[in-house]
Amino acid sequence: MKEPAARLLPWSSPNGNPCYLLGDGTGPVSRVADDIERLQLGMADDLIGHADGLLACQGAGNRELRFLARGLTDCLRDVRRVAESRGARLRSVDRSLDDEGGNEGGNEGGKEA
């Protein structure tokens, strides 16, 4: 039986270390993680819209721009973690397909089409 891949969760431990989950992706913690990822991506979209408006404003002050930069940095960190987690899960699915079919990446002889 194949071991489940570790999923990088969209939050950190209290001391800042990454948190991982072992499972098939259908349990309650996976569903909470999915919800938080959706929330993080939605917040990033909202902040991008706010950034566009603020940057178009000629009167934006240094304090406002610094606050915006902090928010964008936090959102970028969250989105990067979501992308890393989803990419790892996609690679895990690709590997399991390779194991079943015997061909690397699903292509004959492992060559790109």
PDB file of N, CA and C in Angstrom:
ATOM      1  N   MET A   1       0.838  -1.183   0.000  1.00  0.00           N
ATOM      2  CA  MET A   1       0.000   0.000   0.000  1.00  0.00           C
ATOM      3  C   MET A   1       0.885   1.248   0.000  1.00  0.00           C
ATOM      4  N   LYS A   2       0.505   2.219  -0.802  1.00  0.00           N
ATOM      5  CA  LYS A   2       1.292   3.441  -0.964  1.00  0.00           C
ATOM      6  C   LYS A   2       1.096   4.382   0.221  1.00  0.00           C
ATOM      7  N   GLU A   3       2.192   4.928   0.726  1.00  0.00           N
ATOM      8  CA  GLU A   3       2.144   5.893   1.829  1.00  0.00           C
ATOM      9  C   GLU A   3       1.540   7.204   1.324  1.00  0.00           C
ATOM     10  N   PRO A   4       0.661   7.853   2.127  1.00  0.00           N
ATOM     11  CA  PRO A   4       0.124   9.149   1.697  1.00  0.00           C
ATOM     12  C   PRO A   4       1.210  10.222   1.726  1.00  0.00           C
ATOM     13  N   ALA A   5       1.121  11.146   0.790  1.00  0.00           N
ATOM     14  CA  ALA A   5       2.090  12.243   0.734  1.00  0.00           C
ATOM     15  C   ALA A   5       1.764  13.259   1.826  1.00  0.00           C
ATOM     16  N   ALA A   6       2.772  13.918   2.334  1.00  0.00           N
ATOM     17  CA  ALA A   6       2.575  14.964   3.333  1.00  0.00           C
ATOM     18  C   ALA A   6       2.105  16.236   2.629  1.00  0.00           C
ATOM     19  N   ARG A   7       1.041  16.841   3.152  1.00  0.00           N
ATOM     20  CA  ARG A   7       0.510  18.079   2.592  1.00  0.00           C
ATOM     21  C   ARG A   7       0.990  19.247   3.441  1.00  0.00           C
ATOM     22  N   LEU A   8       1.589  20.228   2.790  1.00  0.00           N
ATOM     23  CA  LEU A   8       1.956  21.464   3.470  1.00  0.00           C
ATOM     24  C   LEU A   8       0.677  22.232   3.759  1.00  0.00           C
ATOM     25  N   LEU A   9       0.448  22.546   5.018  1.00  0.00           N
ATOM     26  CA  LEU A   9      -0.769  23.247   5.410  1.00  0.00           C
ATOM     27  C   LEU A   9      -0.593  24.755   5.288  1.00  0.00           C
ATOM     28  N   PRO A  10      -1.695  25.495   5.133  1.00  0.00           N
ATOM     29  CA  PRO A  10      -1.599  26.946   4.917  1.00  0.00           C
ATOM     30  C   PRO A  10      -1.400  27.758   6.195  1.00  0.00           C
ATOM     31  N   TRP A  11      -0.870  27.144   7.215  1.00  0.00           N
ATOM     32  CA  TRP A  11      -0.541  27.860   8.449  1.00  0.00           C
ATOM     33  C   TRP A  11       0.753  27.300   9.009  1.00  0.00           C
ATOM     34  N   SER A  12       1.333  28.040   9.926  1.00  0.00           N
ATOM     35  CA  SER A  12       2.590  27.644  10.564  1.00  0.00           C
ATOM     36  C   SER A  12       2.339  27.306  12.023  1.00  0.00           C
ATOM     37  N   SER A  13       3.299  26.640  12.618  1.00  0.00           N
ATOM     38  CA  SER A  13       3.239  26.366  14.051  1.00  0.00           C
ATOM     39  C   SER A  13       3.452  27.683  14.804  1.00  0.00           C
ATOM     40  N   PRO A  14       3.178  27.715  16.101  1.00  0.00           N
ATOM     41  CA  PRO A  14       3.389  28.949  16.875  1.00  0.00           C
ATOM     42  C   PRO A  14       4.818  29.500  16.785  1.00  0.00           C
ATOM     43  N   ASN A  15       5.803  28.630  16.562  1.00  0.00           N
ATOM     44  CA  ASN A  15       7.189  29.117  16.449  1.00  0.00           C
ATOM     45  C   ASN A  15       7.620  29.324  14.999  1.00  0.00           C
ATOM     46  N   GLY A  16       6.643  29.300  14.061  1.00  0.00           N
ATOM     47  CA  GLY A  16       6.931  29.651  12.672  1.00  0.00           C
ATOM     48  C   GLY A  16       7.326  28.504  11.763  1.00  0.00           C
ATOM     49  N   ASN A  17       7.331  27.285  12.271  1.00  0.00           N
ATOM     50  CA  ASN A  17       7.691  26.138  11.433  1.00  0.00           C
ATOM     51  C   ASN A  17       6.502  25.702  10.579  1.00  0.00           C
ATOM     52  N   PRO A  18       6.781  25.137   9.401  1.00  0.00           N
ATOM     53  CA  PRO A  18       5.685  24.665   8.552  1.00  0.00           C
ATOM     54  C   PRO A  18       4.967  23.491   9.214  1.00  0.00           C
ATOM     55  N   CYS A  19       3.673  23.370   8.927  1.00  0.00           N
ATOM     56  CA  CYS A  19       2.860  22.264   9.420  1.00  0.00           C
ATOM     57  C   CYS A  19       2.480  21.381   8.240  1.00  0.00           C
ATOM     58  N   TYR A  20       2.477  20.079   8.467  1.00  0.00           N
ATOM     59  CA  TYR A  20       2.151  19.110   7.429  1.00  0.00           C
ATOM     60  C   TYR A  20       1.051  18.181   7.912  1.00  0.00           C
ATOM     61  N   LEU A  21       0.335  17.606   6.966  1.00  0.00           N
ATOM     62  CA  LEU A  21      -0.737  16.661   7.256  1.00  0.00           C
ATOM     63  C   LEU A  21      -0.531  15.421   6.407  1.00  0.00           C
ATOM     64  N   LEU A  22      -0.622  14.260   7.051  1.00  0.00           N
ATOM     65  CA  LEU A  22      -0.608  12.994   6.318  1.00  0.00           C
ATOM     66  C   LEU A  22      -2.045  12.515   6.197  1.00  0.00           C
ATOM     67  N   GLY A  23      -2.436  12.134   5.010  1.00  0.00           N
ATOM     68  CA  GLY A  23      -3.786  11.629   4.812  1.00  0.00           C
ATOM     69  C   GLY A  23      -4.124  11.585   3.339  1.00  0.00           C
ATOM     70  N   ASP A  24      -5.373  11.199   3.069  1.00  0.00           N
ATOM     71  CA  ASP A  24      -5.806  11.059   1.688  1.00  0.00           C
ATOM     72  C   ASP A  24      -6.439  12.326   1.128  1.00  0.00           C
ATOM     73  N   GLY A  25      -6.515  13.394   1.933  1.00  0.00           N
ATOM     74  CA  GLY A  25      -7.047  14.666   1.462  1.00  0.00           C
ATOM     75  C   GLY A  25      -8.543  14.810   1.593  1.00  0.00           C
ATOM     76  N   THR A  26      -9.198  13.892   2.303  1.00  0.00           N
ATOM     77  CA  THR A  26     -10.651  13.952   2.424  1.00  0.00           C
ATOM     78  C   THR A  26     -11.133  14.212   3.841  1.00  0.00           C
ATOM     79  N   GLY A  27     -10.240  14.285   4.803  1.00  0.00           N
ATOM     80  CA  GLY A  27     -10.622  14.441   6.199  1.00  0.00           C
ATOM     81  C   GLY A  27     -10.954  15.872   6.579  1.00  0.00           C
ATOM     82  N   PRO A  28     -11.376  16.083   7.832  1.00  0.00           N
ATOM     83  CA  PRO A  28     -11.783  17.411   8.276  1.00  0.00           C
ATOM     84  C   PRO A  28     -10.647  18.440   8.263  1.00  0.00           C
ATOM     85  N   VAL A  29      -9.439  18.043   8.592  1.00  0.00           N
ATOM     86  CA  VAL A  29      -8.329  19.002   8.576  1.00  0.00           C
ATOM     87  C   VAL A  29      -8.018  19.417   7.135  1.00  0.00           C
ATOM     88  N   SER A  30      -8.110  18.477   6.204  1.00  0.00           N
ATOM     89  CA  SER A  30      -7.910  18.812   4.783  1.00  0.00           C
ATOM     90  C   SER A  30      -8.961  19.804   4.308  1.00  0.00           C
ATOM     91  N   ARG A  31     -10.201  19.608   4.744  1.00  0.00           N
ATOM     92  CA  ARG A  31     -11.270  20.531   4.337  1.00  0.00           C
ATOM     93  C   ARG A  31     -11.050  21.919   4.928  1.00  0.00           C
ATOM     94  N   VAL A  32     -10.612  21.997   6.181  1.00  0.00           N
ATOM     95  CA  VAL A  32     -10.300  23.297   6.785  1.00  0.00           C
ATOM     96  C   VAL A  32      -9.148  23.951   6.028  1.00  0.00           C
ATOM     97  N   ALA A  33      -8.125  23.173   5.694  1.00  0.00           N
ATOM     98  CA  ALA A  33      -6.982  23.709   4.940  1.00  0.00           C
ATOM     99  C   ALA A  33      -7.434  24.229   3.577  1.00  0.00           C
ATOM    100  N   ASP A  34      -8.311  23.489   2.904  1.00  0.00           N
ATOM    101  CA  ASP A  34      -8.843  23.948   1.611  1.00  0.00           C
ATOM    102  C   ASP A  34      -9.583  25.275   1.768  1.00  0.00           C
ATOM    103  N   ASP A  35     -10.397  25.378   2.817  1.00  0.00           N
ATOM    104  CA  ASP A  35     -11.149  26.618   3.073  1.00  0.00           C
ATOM    105  C   ASP A  35     -10.206  27.789   3.340  1.00  0.00           C
ATOM    106  N   ILE A  36      -9.171  27.548   4.126  1.00  0.00           N
ATOM    107  CA  ILE A  36      -8.219  28.620   4.441  1.00  0.00           C
ATOM    108  C   ILE A  36      -7.449  29.033   3.198  1.00  0.00           C
ATOM    109  N   GLU A  37      -7.070  28.075   2.356  1.00  0.00           N
ATOM    110  CA  GLU A  37      -6.392  28.420   1.101  1.00  0.00           C
ATOM    111  C   GLU A  37      -7.284  29.299   0.232  1.00  0.00           C
ATOM    112  N   ARG A  38      -8.567  28.930   0.121  1.00  0.00           N
ATOM    113  CA  ARG A  38      -9.500  29.752  -0.668  1.00  0.00           C
ATOM    114  C   ARG A  38      -9.608  31.156  -0.078  1.00  0.00           C
ATOM    115  N   LEU A  39      -9.686  31.254   1.234  1.00  0.00           N
ATOM    116  CA  LEU A  39      -9.755  32.549   1.910  1.00  0.00           C
ATOM    117  C   LEU A  39      -8.490  33.368   1.638  1.00  0.00           C
ATOM    118  N   GLN A  40      -7.332  32.744   1.742  1.00  0.00           N
ATOM    119  CA  GLN A  40      -6.068  33.449   1.494  1.00  0.00           C
ATOM    120  C   GLN A  40      -5.987  33.955   0.058  1.00  0.00           C
ATOM    121  N   LEU A  41      -6.392  33.132  -0.894  1.00  0.00           N
ATOM    122  CA  LEU A  41      -6.350  33.553  -2.298  1.00  0.00           C
ATOM    123  C   LEU A  41      -7.346  34.687  -2.554  1.00  0.00           C
ATOM    124  N   GLY A  42      -8.514  34.615  -1.933  1.00  0.00           N
ATOM    125  CA  GLY A  42      -9.499  35.693  -2.062  1.00  0.00           C
ATOM    126  C   GLY A  42      -8.998  36.998  -1.455  1.00  0.00           C
ATOM    127  N   MET A  43      -8.353  36.907  -0.300  1.00  0.00           N
ATOM    128  CA  MET A  43      -7.791  38.106   0.332  1.00  0.00           C
ATOM    129  C   MET A  43      -6.699  38.713  -0.542  1.00  0.00           C
ATOM    130  N   ALA A  44      -5.909  37.865  -1.194  1.00  0.00           N
ATOM    131  CA  ALA A  44      -4.867  38.361  -2.091  1.00  0.00           C
ATOM    132  C   ALA A  44      -5.491  39.114  -3.258  1.00  0.00           C
ATOM    133  N   ASP A  45      -6.566  38.573  -3.821  1.00  0.00           N
ATOM    134  CA  ASP A  45      -7.271  39.269  -4.913  1.00  0.00           C
ATOM    135  C   ASP A  45      -7.780  40.631  -4.454  1.00  0.00           C
ATOM    136  N   ASP A  46      -8.387  40.667  -3.274  1.00  0.00           N
ATOM    137  CA  ASP A  46      -8.909  41.927  -2.733  1.00  0.00           C
ATOM    138  C   ASP A  46      -7.787  42.939  -2.529  1.00  0.00           C
ATOM    139  N   LEU A  47      -6.666  42.479  -1.993  1.00  0.00           N
ATOM    140  CA  LEU A  47      -5.553  43.391  -1.726  1.00  0.00           C
ATOM    141  C   LEU A  47      -4.939  43.907  -3.030  1.00  0.00           C
ATOM    142  N   ILE A  48      -4.882  43.069  -4.044  1.00  0.00           N
ATOM    143  CA  ILE A  48      -4.379  43.527  -5.347  1.00  0.00           C
ATOM    144  C   ILE A  48      -5.257  44.655  -5.878  1.00  0.00           C
ATOM    145  N   GLY A  49      -6.567  44.498  -5.749  1.00  0.00           N
ATOM    146  CA  GLY A  49      -7.483  45.561  -6.171  1.00  0.00           C
ATOM    147  C   GLY A  49      -7.251  46.840  -5.388  1.00  0.00           C
ATOM    148  N   HIS A  50      -7.040  46.720  -4.090  1.00  0.00           N
ATOM    149  CA  HIS A  50      -6.759  47.891  -3.248  1.00  0.00           C
ATOM    150  C   HIS A  50      -5.426  48.531  -3.657  1.00  0.00           C
ATOM    151  N   ALA A  51      -4.436  47.686  -3.930  1.00  0.00           N
ATOM    152  CA  ALA A  51      -3.115  48.191  -4.325  1.00  0.00           C
ATOM    153  C   ALA A  51      -3.202  48.965  -5.637  1.00  0.00           C
ATOM    154  N   ASP A  52      -3.953  48.435  -6.595  1.00  0.00           N
ATOM    155  CA  ASP A  52      -4.121  49.142  -7.868  1.00  0.00           C
ATOM    156  C   ASP A  52      -4.686  50.538  -7.647  1.00  0.00           C
ATOM    157  N   GLY A  53      -5.703  50.637  -6.798  1.00  0.00           N
ATOM    158  CA  GLY A  53      -6.312  51.938  -6.515  1.00  0.00           C
ATOM    159  C   GLY A  53      -5.373  52.878  -5.798  1.00  0.00           C
ATOM    160  N   LEU A  54      -4.671  52.369  -4.797  1.00  0.00           N
ATOM    161  CA  LEU A  54      -3.765  53.220  -4.022  1.00  0.00           C
ATOM    162  C   LEU A  54      -2.586  53.692  -4.870  1.00  0.00           C
ATOM    163  N   LEU A  55      -2.058  52.824  -5.699  1.00  0.00           N
ATOM    164  CA  LEU A  55      -0.920  53.197  -6.528  1.00  0.00           C
ATOM    165  C   LEU A  55      -1.311  54.180  -7.632  1.00  0.00           C
ATOM    166  N   ALA A  56      -2.578  54.169  -8.018  1.00  0.00           N
ATOM    167  CA  ALA A  56      -3.057  55.132  -9.020  1.00  0.00           C
ATOM    168  C   ALA A  56      -3.265  56.516  -8.407  1.00  0.00           C
ATOM    169  N   CYS A  57      -3.354  56.570  -7.089  1.00  0.00           N
ATOM    170  CA  CYS A  57      -3.581  57.830  -6.374  1.00  0.00           C
ATOM    171  C   CYS A  57      -2.247  58.556  -6.178  1.00  0.00           C
ATOM    172  N   GLN A  58      -2.151  59.744  -6.733  1.00  0.00           N
ATOM    173  CA  GLN A  58      -0.906  60.527  -6.624  1.00  0.00           C
ATOM    174  C   GLN A  58      -0.637  60.989  -5.194  1.00  0.00           C
ATOM    175  N   GLY A  59      -1.675  61.058  -4.372  1.00  0.00           N
ATOM    176  CA  GLY A  59      -1.510  61.580  -3.023  1.00  0.00           C
ATOM    177  C   GLY A  59      -1.237  60.530  -1.961  1.00  0.00           C
ATOM    178  N   ALA A  60      -0.960  59.286  -2.356  1.00  0.00           N
ATOM    179  CA  ALA A  60      -0.697  58.236  -1.370  1.00  0.00           C
ATOM    180  C   ALA A  60       0.580  58.557  -0.602  1.00  0.00           C
ATOM    181  N   GLY A  61       0.481  58.490   0.716  1.00  0.00           N
ATOM    182  CA  GLY A  61       1.621  58.827   1.566  1.00  0.00           C
ATOM    183  C   GLY A  61       2.519  57.636   1.849  1.00  0.00           C
ATOM    184  N   ASN A  62       3.662  57.934   2.413  1.00  0.00           N
ATOM    185  CA  ASN A  62       4.654  56.912   2.752  1.00  0.00           C
ATOM    186  C   ASN A  62       4.068  55.881   3.713  1.00  0.00           C
ATOM    187  N   ARG A  63       3.319  56.320   4.702  1.00  0.00           N
ATOM    188  CA  ARG A  63       2.735  55.406   5.687  1.00  0.00           C
ATOM    189  C   ARG A  63       1.752  54.440   5.011  1.00  0.00           C
ATOM    190  N   GLU A  64       0.905  54.955   4.126  1.00  0.00           N
ATOM    191  CA  GLU A  64      -0.055  54.109   3.408  1.00  0.00           C
ATOM    192  C   GLU A  64       0.659  53.099   2.512  1.00  0.00           C
ATOM    193  N   LEU A  65       1.696  53.554   1.843  1.00  0.00           N
ATOM    194  CA  LEU A  65       2.424  52.657   0.944  1.00  0.00           C
ATOM    195  C   LEU A  65       3.181  51.572   1.711  1.00  0.00           C
ATOM    196  N   ARG A  66       3.721  51.928   2.869  1.00  0.00           N
ATOM    197  CA  ARG A  66       4.403  50.934   3.701  1.00  0.00           C
ATOM    198  C   ARG A  66       3.409  49.889   4.223  1.00  0.00           C
ATOM    199  N   PHE A  67       2.221  50.351   4.628  1.00  0.00           N
ATOM    200  CA  PHE A  67       1.179  49.439   5.098  1.00  0.00           C
ATOM    201  C   PHE A  67       0.760  48.501   3.959  1.00  0.00           C
ATOM    202  N   LEU A  68       0.614  49.057   2.767  1.00  0.00           N
ATOM    203  CA  LEU A  68       0.272  48.256   1.597  1.00  0.00           C
ATOM    204  C   LEU A  68       1.372  47.230   1.314  1.00  0.00           C
ATOM    205  N   ALA A  69       2.615  47.648   1.371  1.00  0.00           N
ATOM    206  CA  ALA A  69       3.732  46.737   1.114  1.00  0.00           C
ATOM    207  C   ALA A  69       3.738  45.587   2.119  1.00  0.00           C
ATOM    208  N   ARG A  70       3.451  45.875   3.382  1.00  0.00           N
ATOM    209  CA  ARG A  70       3.396  44.821   4.407  1.00  0.00           C
ATOM    210  C   ARG A  70       2.276  43.833   4.065  1.00  0.00           C
ATOM    211  N   GLY A  71       1.090  44.343   3.715  1.00  0.00           N
ATOM    212  CA  GLY A  71      -0.027  43.470   3.362  1.00  0.00           C
ATOM    213  C   GLY A  71       0.268  42.621   2.133  1.00  0.00           C
ATOM    214  N   LEU A  72       0.876  43.237   1.123  1.00  0.00           N
ATOM    215  CA  LEU A  72       1.221  42.486  -0.089  1.00  0.00           C
ATOM    216  C   LEU A  72       2.271  41.410   0.204  1.00  0.00           C
ATOM    217  N   THR A  73       3.220  41.727   1.062  1.00  0.00           N
ATOM    218  CA  THR A  73       4.248  40.751   1.433  1.00  0.00           C
ATOM    219  C   THR A  73       3.619  39.563   2.153  1.00  0.00           C
ATOM    220  N   ASP A  74       2.720  39.841   3.091  1.00  0.00           N
ATOM    221  CA  ASP A  74       2.044  38.757   3.813  1.00  0.00           C
ATOM    222  C   ASP A  74       1.216  37.896   2.861  1.00  0.00           C
ATOM    223  N   CYS A  75       0.473  38.545   1.960  1.00  0.00           N
ATOM    224  CA  CYS A  75      -0.348  37.792   0.995  1.00  0.00           C
ATOM    225  C   CYS A  75       0.518  36.984   0.042  1.00  0.00           C
ATOM    226  N   LEU A  76       1.622  37.554  -0.400  1.00  0.00           N
ATOM    227  CA  LEU A  76       2.510  36.833  -1.305  1.00  0.00           C
ATOM    228  C   LEU A  76       3.074  35.590  -0.612  1.00  0.00           C
ATOM    229  N   ARG A  77       3.408  35.712   0.653  1.00  0.00           N
ATOM    230  CA  ARG A  77       3.911  34.568   1.419  1.00  0.00           C
ATOM    231  C   ARG A  77       2.835  33.476   1.486  1.00  0.00           C
ATOM    232  N   ASP A  78       1.589  33.870   1.749  1.00  0.00           N
ATOM    233  CA  ASP A  78       0.490  32.897   1.807  1.00  0.00           C
ATOM    234  C   ASP A  78       0.261  32.225   0.457  1.00  0.00           C
ATOM    235  N   VAL A  79       0.236  33.014  -0.599  1.00  0.00           N
ATOM    236  CA  VAL A  79      -0.013  32.475  -1.940  1.00  0.00           C
ATOM    237  C   VAL A  79       1.126  31.554  -2.363  1.00  0.00           C
ATOM    238  N   ARG A  80       2.351  31.904  -2.016  1.00  0.00           N
ATOM    239  CA  ARG A  80       3.495  31.042  -2.328  1.00  0.00           C
ATOM    240  C   ARG A  80       3.350  29.699  -1.610  1.00  0.00           C
ATOM    241  N   ARG A  81       2.903  29.713  -0.362  1.00  0.00           N
ATOM    242  CA  ARG A  81       2.715  28.475   0.400  1.00  0.00           C
ATOM    243  C   ARG A  81       1.608  27.621  -0.243  1.00  0.00           C
ATOM    244  N   VAL A  82       0.514  28.260  -0.676  1.00  0.00           N
ATOM    245  CA  VAL A  82      -0.567  27.534  -1.350  1.00  0.00           C
ATOM    246  C   VAL A  82      -0.029  26.893  -2.633  1.00  0.00           C
ATOM    247  N   ALA A  83       0.726  27.650  -3.413  1.00  0.00           N
ATOM    248  CA  ALA A  83       1.277  27.125  -4.666  1.00  0.00           C
ATOM    249  C   ALA A  83       2.237  25.972  -4.403  1.00  0.00           C
ATOM    250  N   GLU A  84       3.065  26.110  -3.385  1.00  0.00           N
ATOM    251  CA  GLU A  84       4.015  25.052  -3.028  1.00  0.00           C
ATOM    252  C   GLU A  84       3.263  23.779  -2.625  1.00  0.00           C
ATOM    253  N   SER A  85       2.233  23.947  -1.808  1.00  0.00           N
ATOM    254  CA  SER A  85       1.447  22.808  -1.345  1.00  0.00           C
ATOM    255  C   SER A  85       0.738  22.126  -2.505  1.00  0.00           C
ATOM    256  N   ARG A  86       0.098  22.910  -3.351  1.00  0.00           N
ATOM    257  CA  ARG A  86      -0.645  22.331  -4.477  1.00  0.00           C
ATOM    258  C   ARG A  86       0.303  21.703  -5.493  1.00  0.00           C
ATOM    259  N   GLY A  87       1.448  22.319  -5.709  1.00  0.00           N
ATOM    260  CA  GLY A  87       2.434  21.744  -6.624  1.00  0.00           C
ATOM    261  C   GLY A  87       2.942  20.407  -6.131  1.00  0.00           C
ATOM    262  N   ALA A  88       3.191  20.310  -4.833  1.00  0.00           N
ATOM    263  CA  ALA A  88       3.659  19.041  -4.264  1.00  0.00           C
ATOM    264  C   ALA A  88       2.597  17.964  -4.405  1.00  0.00           C
ATOM    265  N   ARG A  89       1.330  18.332  -4.216  1.00  0.00           N
ATOM    266  CA  ARG A  89       0.256  17.344  -4.360  1.00  0.00           C
ATOM    267  C   ARG A  89       0.110  16.908  -5.812  1.00  0.00           C
ATOM    268  N   LEU A  90       0.289  17.833  -6.761  1.00  0.00           N
ATOM    269  CA  LEU A  90       0.231  17.465  -8.178  1.00  0.00           C
ATOM    270  C   LEU A  90       1.371  16.521  -8.545  1.00  0.00           C
ATOM    271  N   ARG A  91       2.574  16.812  -8.038  1.00  0.00           N
ATOM    272  CA  ARG A  91       3.709  15.923  -8.306  1.00  0.00           C
ATOM    273  C   ARG A  91       3.460  14.542  -7.714  1.00  0.00           C
ATOM    274  N   SER A  92       2.825  14.488  -6.562  1.00  0.00           N
ATOM    275  CA  SER A  92       2.509  13.217  -5.933  1.00  0.00           C
ATOM    276  C   SER A  92       1.532  12.416  -6.784  1.00  0.00           C
ATOM    277  N   VAL A  93       0.537  13.088  -7.344  1.00  0.00           N
ATOM    278  CA  VAL A  93      -0.429  12.419  -8.223  1.00  0.00           C
ATOM    279  C   VAL A  93       0.282  11.929  -9.476  1.00  0.00           C
ATOM    280  N   ASP A  94       1.164  12.752 -10.048  1.00  0.00           N
ATOM    281  CA  ASP A  94       1.909  12.342 -11.243  1.00  0.00           C
ATOM    282  C   ASP A  94       2.744  11.101 -10.951  1.00  0.00           C
ATOM    283  N   ARG A  95       3.402  11.068  -9.793  1.00  0.00           N
ATOM    284  CA  ARG A  95       4.228   9.905  -9.443  1.00  0.00           C
ATOM    285  C   ARG A  95       3.371   8.658  -9.291  1.00  0.00           C
ATOM    286  N   SER A  96       2.189   8.804  -8.686  1.00  0.00           N
ATOM    287  CA  SER A  96       1.336   7.623  -8.515  1.00  0.00           C
ATOM    288  C   SER A  96       0.846   7.117  -9.870  1.00  0.00           C
ATOM    289  N   LEU A  97       0.607   8.018 -10.813  1.00  0.00           N
ATOM    290  CA  LEU A  97       0.227   7.593 -12.161  1.00  0.00           C
ATOM    291  C   LEU A  97       1.396   6.904 -12.848  1.00  0.00           C
ATOM    292  N   ASP A  98       2.616   7.417 -12.624  1.00  0.00           N
ATOM    293  CA  ASP A  98       3.808   6.784 -13.186  1.00  0.00           C
ATOM    294  C   ASP A  98       3.949   5.359 -12.666  1.00  0.00           C
ATOM    295  N   ASP A  99       3.722   5.183 -11.357  1.00  0.00           N
ATOM    296  CA  ASP A  99       3.851   3.863 -10.751  1.00  0.00           C
ATOM    297  C   ASP A  99       2.855   2.881 -11.352  1.00  0.00           C
ATOM    298  N   GLU A 100       1.630   3.349 -11.627  1.00  0.00           N
ATOM    299  CA  GLU A 100       0.592   2.467 -12.152  1.00  0.00           C
ATOM    300  C   GLU A 100       0.813   2.155 -13.620  1.00  0.00           C
ATOM    301  N   GLY A 101       1.205   3.163 -14.416  1.00  0.00           N
ATOM    302  CA  GLY A 101       1.301   2.973 -15.856  1.00  0.00           C
ATOM    303  C   GLY A 101       2.664   2.536 -16.332  1.00  0.00           C
ATOM    304  N   GLY A 102       3.688   2.739 -15.521  1.00  0.00           N
ATOM    305  CA  GLY A 102       5.025   2.343 -15.908  1.00  0.00           C
ATOM    306  C   GLY A 102       5.742   3.339 -16.798  1.00  0.00           C
ATOM    307  N   ASN A 103       5.056   4.392 -17.253  1.00  0.00           N
ATOM    308  CA  ASN A 103       5.689   5.403 -18.092  1.00  0.00           C
ATOM    309  C   ASN A 103       5.833   6.690 -17.313  1.00  0.00           C
ATOM    310  N   GLU A 104       6.973   7.298 -17.429  1.00  0.00           N
ATOM    311  CA  GLU A 104       7.232   8.566 -16.754  1.00  0.00           C
ATOM    312  C   GLU A 104       6.388   9.666 -17.365  1.00  0.00           C
ATOM    313  N   GLY A 105       5.569  10.348 -16.534  1.00  0.00           N
ATOM    314  CA  GLY A 105       4.769  11.459 -17.027  1.00  0.00           C
ATOM    315  C   GLY A 105       3.660  11.048 -17.975  1.00  0.00           C
ATOM    316  N   GLY A 106       3.406   9.756 -18.099  1.00  0.00           N
ATOM    317  CA  GLY A 106       2.326   9.296 -18.961  1.00  0.00           C
ATOM    318  C   GLY A 106       2.685   9.282 -20.435  1.00  0.00           C
ATOM    319  N   ASN A 107       3.929   9.583 -20.806  1.00  0.00           N
ATOM    320  CA  ASN A 107       4.361   9.612 -22.202  1.00  0.00           C
ATOM    321  C   ASN A 107       5.234   8.398 -22.498  1.00  0.00           C
ATOM    322  N   GLU A 108       5.150   7.929 -23.701  1.00  0.00           N
ATOM    323  CA  GLU A 108       5.945   6.775 -24.137  1.00  0.00           C
ATOM    324  C   GLU A 108       7.433   7.058 -23.950  1.00  0.00           C
ATOM    325  N   GLY A 109       8.102   6.207 -23.220  1.00  0.00           N
ATOM    326  CA  GLY A 109       9.550   6.340 -23.038  1.00  0.00           C
ATOM    327  C   GLY A 109       9.959   7.554 -22.227  1.00  0.00           C
ATOM    328  N   GLY A 110       9.019   8.246 -21.592  1.00  0.00           N
ATOM    329  CA  GLY A 110       9.342   9.384 -20.753  1.00  0.00           C
ATOM    330  C   GLY A 110       9.683  10.635 -21.515  1.00  0.00           C
ATOM    331  N   LYS A 111       9.427  10.669 -22.839  1.00  0.00           N
ATOM    332  CA  LYS A 111       9.740  11.856 -23.639  1.00  0.00           C
ATOM    333  C   LYS A 111       8.547  12.776 -23.717  1.00  0.00           C
ATOM    334  N   GLU A 112       8.836  14.072 -23.782  1.00  0.00           N
ATOM    335  CA  GLU A 112       7.786  15.082 -23.928  1.00  0.00           C
ATOM    336  C   GLU A 112       7.157  14.966 -25.299  1.00  0.00           C
ATOM    337  N   ALA A 113       5.864  15.190 -25.366  1.00  0.00           N
ATOM    338  CA  ALA A 113       5.171  15.136 -26.661  1.00  0.00           C
ATOM    339  C   ALA A 113       5.316  16.441 -27.388  1.00  0.00           C
TER     340      ALA A 113
END
